Protein backbone atom coordinates (compact mmCIF):
# COMPACT_ATOMS: atom_id res chain seq x y z
CA MET A 1 193.16 59.07 93.30
CA LYS A 2 191.97 57.21 96.35
CA GLU A 3 189.36 54.53 95.88
CA ILE A 4 185.80 54.10 97.00
CA ILE A 5 185.04 50.40 97.36
CA ILE A 6 181.42 49.53 96.56
CA ILE A 7 180.44 46.05 97.75
CA GLY A 8 177.22 45.11 96.00
CA ALA A 9 177.00 46.36 92.41
CA GLY A 10 173.21 46.44 92.29
CA ALA A 11 170.64 49.20 92.60
CA ILE A 12 172.29 51.41 95.23
CA GLY A 13 175.87 50.39 94.48
CA ARG A 14 175.87 50.67 90.70
CA GLY A 15 172.91 52.99 90.24
CA PHE A 16 172.95 55.60 93.00
CA LEU A 17 176.37 55.88 94.66
CA PRO A 18 178.31 56.92 91.52
CA TRP A 19 176.17 60.07 91.38
CA ILE A 20 177.21 60.91 94.94
CA PHE A 21 180.87 60.94 93.95
CA GLY A 22 180.61 62.04 90.33
CA ASN A 23 183.66 61.63 88.14
CA GLY A 24 186.94 62.91 89.53
CA LEU A 25 186.60 62.59 93.31
CA TYR A 26 187.56 58.92 93.60
CA ASP A 27 188.30 55.83 91.57
CA LEU A 28 185.44 53.33 91.90
CA VAL A 29 186.04 49.66 92.69
CA PHE A 30 183.01 47.35 92.46
CA VAL A 31 182.70 44.01 94.27
CA ASP A 32 179.85 41.55 93.71
CA SER A 33 179.09 37.82 93.89
CA ASN A 34 177.47 37.79 90.42
CA LYS A 35 180.17 36.48 88.05
CA GLU A 36 178.29 37.37 84.90
CA LEU A 37 177.90 40.97 86.07
CA ILE A 38 181.54 41.28 87.17
CA ASP A 39 182.77 39.84 83.87
CA LYS A 40 180.78 42.48 81.97
CA MET A 41 182.09 45.27 84.18
CA ARG A 42 185.67 44.05 83.78
CA SER A 43 185.45 43.91 80.02
CA ARG A 44 183.59 47.20 79.60
CA LYS A 45 185.47 49.32 82.19
CA LYS A 46 182.58 51.81 82.09
CA TYR A 47 178.81 52.06 81.83
CA SER A 48 176.04 54.64 81.55
CA ALA A 49 174.18 55.63 84.71
CA TYR A 50 170.91 57.57 84.56
CA ARG A 51 169.29 59.91 87.08
CA ALA A 52 165.66 61.05 87.04
CA LYS A 53 165.66 64.74 87.91
CA ASN A 54 163.01 67.38 87.20
CA LYS A 55 161.00 64.83 85.18
CA LYS A 56 163.92 64.20 82.83
CA LEU A 57 166.77 61.70 82.67
CA GLU A 58 170.39 62.79 83.09
CA GLU A 59 173.18 60.52 81.85
CA MET A 60 176.65 60.00 83.28
CA THR A 61 179.48 57.71 82.18
CA VAL A 62 180.81 55.79 85.19
CA ASN A 63 184.41 54.67 84.93
CA ILE A 64 185.35 51.41 86.65
CA LYS A 65 188.85 51.06 88.11
CA ASP A 66 188.37 47.43 89.18
CA ALA A 67 185.55 44.90 89.24
CA LEU A 68 186.06 41.93 91.54
CA LEU A 69 184.17 38.86 92.65
CA SER A 70 183.44 38.78 96.37
CA SER A 71 185.72 35.77 96.74
CA GLU A 72 188.62 37.73 95.20
CA PHE A 73 188.33 40.91 97.23
CA LEU A 74 190.69 41.80 100.08
CA ILE A 75 190.80 45.30 101.56
CA ALA A 76 194.56 44.89 102.07
CA LYS A 77 194.97 45.35 98.31
CA TYR A 78 193.55 48.88 98.68
CA PRO A 79 195.43 50.38 101.65
CA ASP A 80 194.58 53.94 100.62
CA ALA A 81 190.84 53.41 100.13
CA ALA A 82 188.85 56.42 101.33
CA ALA A 83 185.80 54.35 102.32
CA VAL A 84 183.86 51.17 101.72
CA PHE A 85 180.15 51.32 100.96
CA MET A 86 178.28 48.06 101.46
CA CYS A 87 174.88 47.50 99.82
CA VAL A 88 174.25 43.75 99.62
CA GLY A 89 171.10 43.33 101.73
CA PRO A 90 170.88 42.69 105.49
CA ARG A 91 170.96 38.92 105.12
CA ASN A 92 174.26 39.04 103.24
CA ALA A 93 176.12 41.77 105.13
CA VAL A 94 178.24 39.59 107.41
CA ALA A 95 179.28 37.22 104.63
CA ALA A 96 180.11 40.15 102.34
CA ALA A 97 182.39 41.59 105.04
CA ALA A 98 184.79 38.64 104.80
CA GLY A 99 187.32 40.63 102.78
CA LEU A 100 187.19 43.65 105.11
CA LYS A 101 189.09 42.30 108.11
CA GLY A 102 191.62 44.87 109.18
CA ALA A 103 189.97 47.71 107.26
CA ARG A 104 191.11 51.11 108.53
CA CYS A 105 188.86 53.31 106.41
CA PRO A 106 185.18 53.96 107.26
CA VAL A 107 182.83 51.13 106.28
CA ILE A 108 179.40 52.56 105.45
CA LEU A 109 176.39 50.24 105.56
CA CYS A 110 173.50 51.09 103.22
CA GLU A 111 171.69 47.97 104.40
CA ASN A 112 168.22 49.11 105.46
CA GLU A 113 168.78 47.65 108.93
CA PRO A 114 170.73 49.32 111.78
CA GLN A 115 171.47 45.96 113.42
CA THR A 116 173.83 45.12 110.58
CA VAL A 117 176.29 47.62 112.10
CA PRO A 118 177.24 45.62 115.24
CA ALA A 119 177.15 42.40 113.20
CA VAL A 120 179.65 43.70 110.65
CA ARG A 121 181.79 45.30 113.37
CA GLY A 122 182.10 41.85 114.91
CA ALA A 123 182.89 40.27 111.55
CA ILE A 124 185.74 42.64 110.68
CA GLY A 125 187.02 43.23 114.20
CA GLY A 126 186.76 47.02 114.20
CA ASP A 127 184.51 49.89 115.27
CA ASN A 128 184.87 51.86 112.02
CA VAL A 129 181.48 50.64 110.69
CA TYR A 130 178.68 53.17 110.36
CA PHE A 131 175.04 53.24 109.32
CA ALA A 132 173.71 55.18 106.34
CA VAL A 133 170.23 55.96 105.06
CA PRO A 134 170.01 56.36 101.28
CA ASP A 135 166.90 58.52 100.88
CA VAL A 136 166.32 57.48 97.30
CA ILE A 137 164.51 55.02 95.08
CA THR A 138 166.87 53.27 92.71
CA SER A 139 165.82 50.63 90.23
CA ASN A 140 168.05 47.65 89.56
CA THR A 141 167.39 47.97 85.84
CA ALA A 142 166.32 50.52 83.24
CA SER A 143 163.84 50.90 80.40
CA PRO A 144 164.10 48.43 77.49
CA GLN A 145 165.34 51.25 75.24
CA ILE A 146 168.22 52.14 77.57
CA LEU A 147 169.14 48.51 78.23
CA ALA A 148 169.34 47.92 74.48
CA LYS A 149 172.14 50.52 74.38
CA ASP A 150 173.86 49.49 77.62
CA PRO A 151 172.76 46.42 79.62
CA LEU A 152 174.73 47.66 82.65
CA SER A 153 172.61 50.82 82.95
CA ILE A 154 170.48 51.56 86.01
CA ILE A 155 168.10 54.44 86.68
CA THR A 156 168.07 56.23 90.03
CA GLU A 157 166.29 59.23 91.47
CA ASP A 158 168.03 62.44 92.41
CA GLY A 159 168.20 61.36 96.05
CA ILE A 160 170.45 61.99 99.04
CA ILE A 161 172.42 59.81 101.41
CA LEU A 162 172.59 60.48 105.14
CA VAL A 163 175.63 59.07 106.95
CA ASP A 164 176.66 58.84 110.61
CA ASP A 165 178.82 61.91 111.21
CA ARG A 166 181.57 59.82 112.82
CA ALA A 167 182.49 58.98 109.22
CA LYS A 168 183.04 62.63 108.29
CA GLY A 169 185.87 63.19 105.88
CA ILE A 170 184.47 61.32 102.90
CA LYS A 171 184.08 63.73 100.00
CA GLY A 172 180.96 63.83 97.88
CA ASN A 173 177.33 64.87 98.02
CA ILE A 174 176.77 63.37 101.50
CA THR A 175 174.69 64.68 104.39
CA PHE A 176 176.31 63.82 107.73
CA CYS A 177 174.24 63.79 110.93
CA SER A 178 174.43 62.41 114.46
CA GLU A 179 173.63 58.77 115.09
CA ASP A 180 170.59 59.82 117.14
CA GLU A 181 169.16 61.99 114.36
CA LEU A 182 170.03 59.38 111.74
CA ILE A 183 168.21 56.55 113.53
CA ASN A 184 165.40 58.27 115.39
CA LYS A 185 164.39 60.72 112.68
CA HIS A 186 165.57 59.72 109.21
CA TRP A 187 165.62 55.93 109.59
CA THR A 188 162.28 55.86 111.40
CA ALA A 189 160.69 57.96 108.67
CA LYS A 190 162.21 55.79 105.96
CA LEU A 191 161.17 52.53 107.59
CA TYR A 192 157.52 53.43 108.12
CA LEU A 193 156.80 56.13 105.51
CA HIS A 194 158.86 54.63 102.71
CA ASN A 195 159.48 50.93 103.25
CA THR A 196 155.99 50.09 104.55
CA PRO A 197 153.89 51.60 101.72
CA HIS A 198 156.57 50.86 99.11
CA CYS A 199 156.50 47.11 99.69
CA ILE A 200 152.68 47.18 99.94
CA THR A 201 152.68 48.79 96.48
CA ALA A 202 154.87 45.94 95.23
CA TYR A 203 152.89 43.08 96.74
CA LEU A 204 149.55 44.45 95.54
CA GLY A 205 151.04 45.09 92.10
CA ALA A 206 152.32 41.53 91.95
CA LEU A 207 148.80 40.25 92.57
CA VAL A 208 147.41 42.04 89.49
CA GLY A 209 150.39 41.19 87.29
CA ALA A 210 152.09 44.60 87.21
CA ARG A 211 155.81 44.57 86.46
CA TYR A 212 156.93 47.95 87.80
CA ILE A 213 156.07 50.04 90.88
CA HIS A 214 154.72 52.93 88.82
CA GLU A 215 152.41 50.52 87.01
CA SER A 216 151.07 49.28 90.35
CA MET A 217 150.29 52.84 91.43
CA SER A 218 148.33 53.42 88.22
CA TYR A 219 145.58 51.10 89.52
CA PRO A 220 143.12 53.29 91.48
CA ASP A 221 142.26 50.48 93.92
CA ILE A 222 145.91 49.87 94.73
CA ASN A 223 146.69 53.57 94.91
CA LYS A 224 143.92 53.99 97.48
CA ILE A 225 145.26 51.17 99.70
CA VAL A 226 148.83 52.48 99.48
CA ALA A 227 147.74 56.02 100.37
CA GLY A 228 145.66 54.58 103.21
CA SER A 229 148.65 52.67 104.60
CA MET A 230 150.71 55.86 104.40
CA ASN A 231 148.09 57.75 106.40
CA GLU A 232 147.95 54.98 109.01
CA MET A 233 151.68 55.19 109.55
CA LEU A 234 151.72 58.98 109.42
CA SER A 235 149.16 59.13 112.21
CA SER A 236 151.10 56.58 114.25
CA LEU A 237 154.42 58.38 113.93
CA LYS A 238 152.85 61.67 114.99
CA LEU A 239 151.43 60.01 118.09
CA LYS A 240 154.40 57.85 119.05
CA TRP A 241 157.60 59.66 117.97
CA ASP A 242 158.99 63.07 118.78
CA ILE A 243 159.55 63.98 115.13
CA PRO A 244 158.39 67.35 113.75
CA HIS A 245 155.00 66.88 112.11
CA GLN A 246 155.92 69.19 109.25
CA PHE A 247 158.85 66.88 108.37
CA LEU A 248 156.62 63.80 108.50
CA ASP A 249 153.94 65.41 106.28
CA TRP A 250 156.59 66.44 103.76
CA TYR A 251 158.13 62.96 103.81
CA ALA A 252 154.80 61.19 103.25
CA GLU A 253 153.83 63.46 100.36
CA LYS A 254 157.13 63.03 98.54
CA GLU A 255 157.03 59.24 98.94
CA LEU A 256 153.64 58.86 97.24
CA LYS A 257 154.90 60.97 94.33
CA ARG A 258 158.04 58.83 94.12
CA PHE A 259 156.10 55.61 93.78
CA SER A 260 154.36 56.94 90.66
CA ASN A 261 157.56 58.09 88.90
CA ASP A 262 157.37 56.34 85.52
CA LEU A 263 160.99 57.21 84.65
CA LEU A 264 162.43 54.81 87.23
CA TYR A 265 161.28 51.42 85.91
CA ASP A 266 161.58 50.05 89.44
CA PRO A 267 160.76 46.32 89.25
CA ILE A 268 158.19 44.85 91.61
CA SER A 269 160.42 41.78 91.88
CA ARG A 270 163.15 43.95 93.47
CA VAL A 271 160.91 45.67 96.02
CA ALA A 272 158.91 42.53 96.91
CA ARG A 273 161.86 40.15 97.23
CA GLU A 274 162.36 38.18 100.45
CA PRO A 275 158.80 38.53 101.81
CA LEU A 276 159.65 36.69 105.04
CA ARG A 277 162.19 39.41 105.82
CA LYS A 278 159.55 42.06 105.10
CA LEU A 279 157.22 40.18 107.49
CA GLU A 280 159.62 40.16 110.45
CA LEU A 281 158.01 41.02 113.78
CA GLU A 282 159.76 44.38 114.20
CA GLY A 283 159.74 45.24 110.51
CA ARG A 284 157.93 47.35 107.98
CA LEU A 285 154.69 45.32 107.83
CA ILE A 286 153.93 43.40 111.01
CA GLY A 287 155.95 45.84 113.10
CA ALA A 288 154.05 48.75 111.54
CA ALA A 289 150.70 47.07 112.24
CA GLN A 290 151.73 46.39 115.85
CA ILE A 291 152.42 50.09 116.37
CA CYS A 292 148.97 51.03 115.08
CA VAL A 293 147.25 48.42 117.24
CA SER A 294 149.20 49.56 120.30
CA LEU A 295 147.83 53.07 119.69
CA GLY A 296 144.26 51.81 119.66
CA PHE A 297 143.25 51.46 116.02
CA ILE A 298 143.17 48.69 113.42
CA PRO A 299 145.30 49.49 110.33
CA HIS A 300 142.99 48.07 107.67
CA ASN A 301 145.25 49.02 104.75
CA ILE A 302 148.44 47.68 106.33
CA LEU A 303 146.60 44.41 107.08
CA LYS A 304 145.89 44.16 103.34
CA GLY A 305 149.59 44.76 102.74
CA ILE A 306 150.55 41.97 105.15
CA THR A 307 148.13 39.61 103.47
CA SER A 308 149.36 40.51 99.99
CA ALA A 309 152.92 39.71 101.15
CA ILE A 310 151.71 36.33 102.41
CA LEU A 311 150.11 35.74 99.00
CA PHE A 312 153.22 36.78 97.04
CA GLU A 313 154.52 34.11 94.67
CA ASP A 314 157.77 34.21 92.73
CA GLU A 315 159.43 30.90 92.05
CA ASN A 316 162.81 32.64 91.74
CA ASP A 317 162.60 34.33 95.14
CA THR A 318 164.68 32.98 98.03
CA ASP A 319 161.53 32.96 100.21
CA HIS A 320 159.40 31.09 97.70
CA HIS A 321 158.74 28.39 100.31
CA LEU A 322 156.36 30.86 101.98
CA SER A 323 153.79 30.19 99.24
CA PHE A 324 154.00 26.44 99.95
CA MET A 325 153.58 26.95 103.71
CA ARG A 326 150.61 29.25 103.14
CA LYS A 327 148.85 26.56 101.12
CA VAL A 328 149.45 23.64 103.50
CA LEU A 329 149.29 25.23 106.97
CA PRO A 330 146.19 26.39 108.87
CA PRO A 331 146.09 30.20 109.17
CA GLN A 332 146.71 30.13 112.93
CA VAL A 333 149.84 28.00 112.49
CA LEU A 334 151.07 30.29 109.72
CA LEU A 335 150.57 33.37 111.89
CA THR A 336 152.19 31.96 115.02
CA HIS A 337 154.80 29.40 113.97
CA ILE A 338 155.92 31.01 110.72
CA LEU A 339 155.39 34.74 111.23
CA GLY A 340 156.05 34.59 114.97
CA LEU A 341 152.93 36.27 116.37
CA ARG A 342 152.05 35.12 119.88
CA LYS A 343 148.78 33.25 120.12
CA GLY A 344 146.17 35.45 121.76
CA GLU A 345 147.95 38.76 121.26
CA ALA A 346 145.90 41.53 119.69
CA LEU A 347 147.36 41.44 116.18
CA GLU A 348 147.27 37.64 116.02
CA MET A 349 143.58 37.63 116.95
CA ILE A 350 142.80 40.40 114.47
CA MET A 351 144.67 38.66 111.65
CA ARG A 352 143.23 35.24 112.43
CA GLU A 353 139.69 36.62 112.41
CA ARG A 354 140.07 38.83 109.34
CA LEU A 355 142.50 36.91 107.12
CA PRO A 356 139.84 34.97 105.12
CA LYS A 357 137.85 38.15 104.44
CA ILE A 358 140.94 40.12 103.43
CA ILE A 359 141.99 37.32 101.07
CA SER A 360 138.51 37.45 99.49
CA GLN A 361 138.80 41.23 99.09
CA LEU A 362 142.19 40.88 97.42
CA GLU A 363 140.90 38.13 95.14
CA GLU A 364 138.11 40.49 94.08
CA LEU A 365 140.67 43.22 93.47
CA ILE A 366 142.63 40.79 91.29
CA ARG A 367 139.55 39.83 89.26
CA GLU A 368 138.43 43.41 88.70
CA ASN A 369 141.82 44.79 87.78
CA LYS A 370 142.99 41.88 85.66
CA ALA A 371 139.74 42.24 83.72
CA ARG A 372 140.44 45.95 83.31
CA LYS A 373 143.94 45.21 82.09
């Protein structure tokens, strides 16, 4: 059989994509920079994947043709590959493309950022690089009971993947659509109705000591803020984008249900990682707040989400230096020099004025909910 190359054997790569192809369509080749993980995959040659569907878990054995370190991989060794799927994170996409120079097959980027497409095209010297939107929540782990049986297991939802239709020809459970529909409808909805409230759920959960997303949503105070942020973005999208309102309402409703799915065991550490990337000016938090402000209203719940991201602390996170900067820099310097807001612009003035009060509100939320716990 032809191969599907999966670069990034984490949540999407190891957990979700194998369900798209099942067993029998393609041989699966996994590439990752984590030596310990690759060694386990090489020795095992298979693992158990789980999918949450209809409130139950389905199990599938995933067979591994090859497992390679990133430094070992060259696309030339797989001249008949049907496609490459990359899911390594936007910051790592260009570096991960080092072994793809000269690739002739479609290279599909599941990277949560459309701008990775031109960057990877430049890195590999070809135009056969296309964007994809995995409409799914996939953990990067599983329940303790499942991990005790198979430490390589990951739990995913029964989601879908939408791919630029210029990559048509890849077999599997894939929805192909035009680049315009992919970006302006599906990616916009995912960015603001999934990514924005999802990361707010994670940052608020981290403050009260929750470990998983579904645990965070079990706190009524957090649930209320997350639902509020969803409504703020839903109102903004209806005002600003030409997307059918029925689609947006459906999307928002399904996302809130997803966040509470206790079968997924989706770690807060996964969703909250790299807070500075989540706080980029055009991104899911500050970018979302800017849209609301431009439409004439203050997004009180999203502001709490921004503040909770600023307060996030994880000594193992690559952006852990944010917590140091927050403690030593005046708020105005943090907002302008670190987060990039322009002094005197509407959101900067709102944040500067309200930041101390929001921090006090979040500290009260922490006290009340830690006491409850």
